Protein backbone atom coordinates (compact mmCIF):
# COMPACT_ATOMS: atom_id res chain seq x y z
CA MET A 1 1.30 13.94 -59.08
CA SER A 2 1.76 10.57 -57.77
CA THR A 3 4.78 11.35 -55.81
CA ILE A 4 2.75 14.28 -54.00
CA LEU A 5 0.22 11.63 -53.21
CA ILE A 6 2.31 9.23 -52.01
CA ILE A 7 3.86 11.61 -49.59
CA VAL A 8 0.42 13.02 -48.29
CA ILE A 9 -0.16 9.45 -47.49
CA ALA A 10 2.79 8.61 -45.96
CA ILE A 11 2.35 11.72 -43.76
CA VAL A 12 -1.11 10.74 -42.85
CA VAL A 13 0.09 6.98 -41.87
CA ILE A 14 2.70 8.52 -39.81
CA ALA A 15 0.55 10.79 -38.02
CA VAL A 16 -2.16 8.01 -37.48
CA ILE A 17 0.25 5.80 -35.97
CA VAL A 18 1.65 8.70 -33.47
CA LEU A 19 -1.76 9.41 -32.60
CA ALA A 20 -2.40 5.77 -31.80
CA MET A 21 1.01 5.41 -29.93
CA THR A 22 0.08 8.44 -27.72
CA ALA A 23 -3.15 7.36 -26.94
CA GLY A 24 -1.73 4.32 -25.81
CA ARG A 25 0.60 5.77 -23.58
CA ARG A 26 -2.12 7.85 -22.11
CA ARG A 27 -4.17 4.93 -21.30
CA ARG A 28 -1.11 2.95 -19.65
CA HIS A 29 -0.44 6.24 -17.33
CA GLY A 30 -3.88 6.28 -16.39
CA LYS A 31 -3.95 2.73 -15.26
CA LEU A 32 -0.54 3.19 -13.55
CA ARG A 33 -2.00 6.18 -11.70
CA GLU A 34 -4.98 4.19 -10.60
CA THR A 35 -2.52 1.15 -9.48
CA VAL A 36 -0.51 3.69 -7.53
CA GLY A 37 -3.65 4.94 -5.71
CA GLU A 38 -4.76 1.41 -4.82
CA HIS A 39 -0.95 0.56 -3.58
CA GLN A 40 -1.14 3.95 -1.40
CA GLN A 41 -4.38 2.97 0.14
CA GLU A 42 -3.45 -0.67 0.59
CA ALA A 43 -0.21 0.63 2.33
CA GLN A 44 -2.35 2.93 4.59
CA ARG A 45 -4.47 0.23 5.72
CA HIS A 46 -1.62 -1.92 6.51
CA SER A 47 0.14 0.77 8.48
CA GLN A 48 -3.31 1.51 10.25
CA ARG A 49 -3.51 -2.35 10.97
CA ALA A 50 0.36 -2.48 12.07
CA GLY A 51 -0.53 0.22 14.77
CA GLU A 52 -3.78 -1.67 15.88
CA LEU A 53 -1.41 -4.90 16.39
CA GLU A 54 1.28 -2.55 17.98
CA ALA A 55 -1.38 -1.07 20.54
CA ALA A 56 -2.88 -4.81 21.12
CA ALA A 57 0.71 -5.95 21.93
CA ALA A 58 1.37 -2.84 24.25
CA GLU A 59 -1.76 -3.63 25.99
CA ALA A 60 -0.80 -7.31 26.33
CA ARG A 61 2.60 -6.42 27.78
CA GLU A 62 0.99 -4.17 30.44
CA ARG A 63 -1.55 -6.69 31.32
CA GLU A 64 1.23 -9.34 31.92
CA ARG A 65 3.15 -6.83 33.79
CA THR A 66 0.07 -5.92 36.10
CA HIS A 67 -0.61 -9.66 36.48
CA ALA A 68 3.19 -10.54 37.59
CA GLN A 69 2.95 -7.61 39.99
CA THR A 70 -0.16 -8.68 41.50
CA ALA A 71 1.09 -12.37 41.66
CA ALA A 72 4.23 -11.51 43.53
CA GLU A 73 2.39 -9.25 46.00
CA ALA A 74 0.08 -12.20 46.64
CA GLU A 75 3.29 -14.32 47.44
CA GLN A 76 4.37 -12.04 49.70
CA ARG A 77 1.05 -12.24 51.83
CA LEU A 78 1.12 -15.94 52.07
CA PRO A 79 2.33 -17.25 55.34
CA ASP A 80 5.74 -18.86 55.26
CA ARG A 81 5.59 -22.60 55.36
CA GLY A 82 8.54 -24.37 56.65
């Protein structure tokens, strides 16, 4: 009788350990999914910001080109000195 009791207790202990490990794994996976979602959102924000900065840089280059062209035209209109 005591041998059967020991076997039953061992099975119950093993089952409790397995359940605890499974619950821990689920909890870790849940946290990882949450972290992945946060990282994806952050990457998307960075991508949008990079797009904004690239657009601003293109706009600045266009303003610089226009300014250089206007300066060149103004220089041509000046009377010759010399």
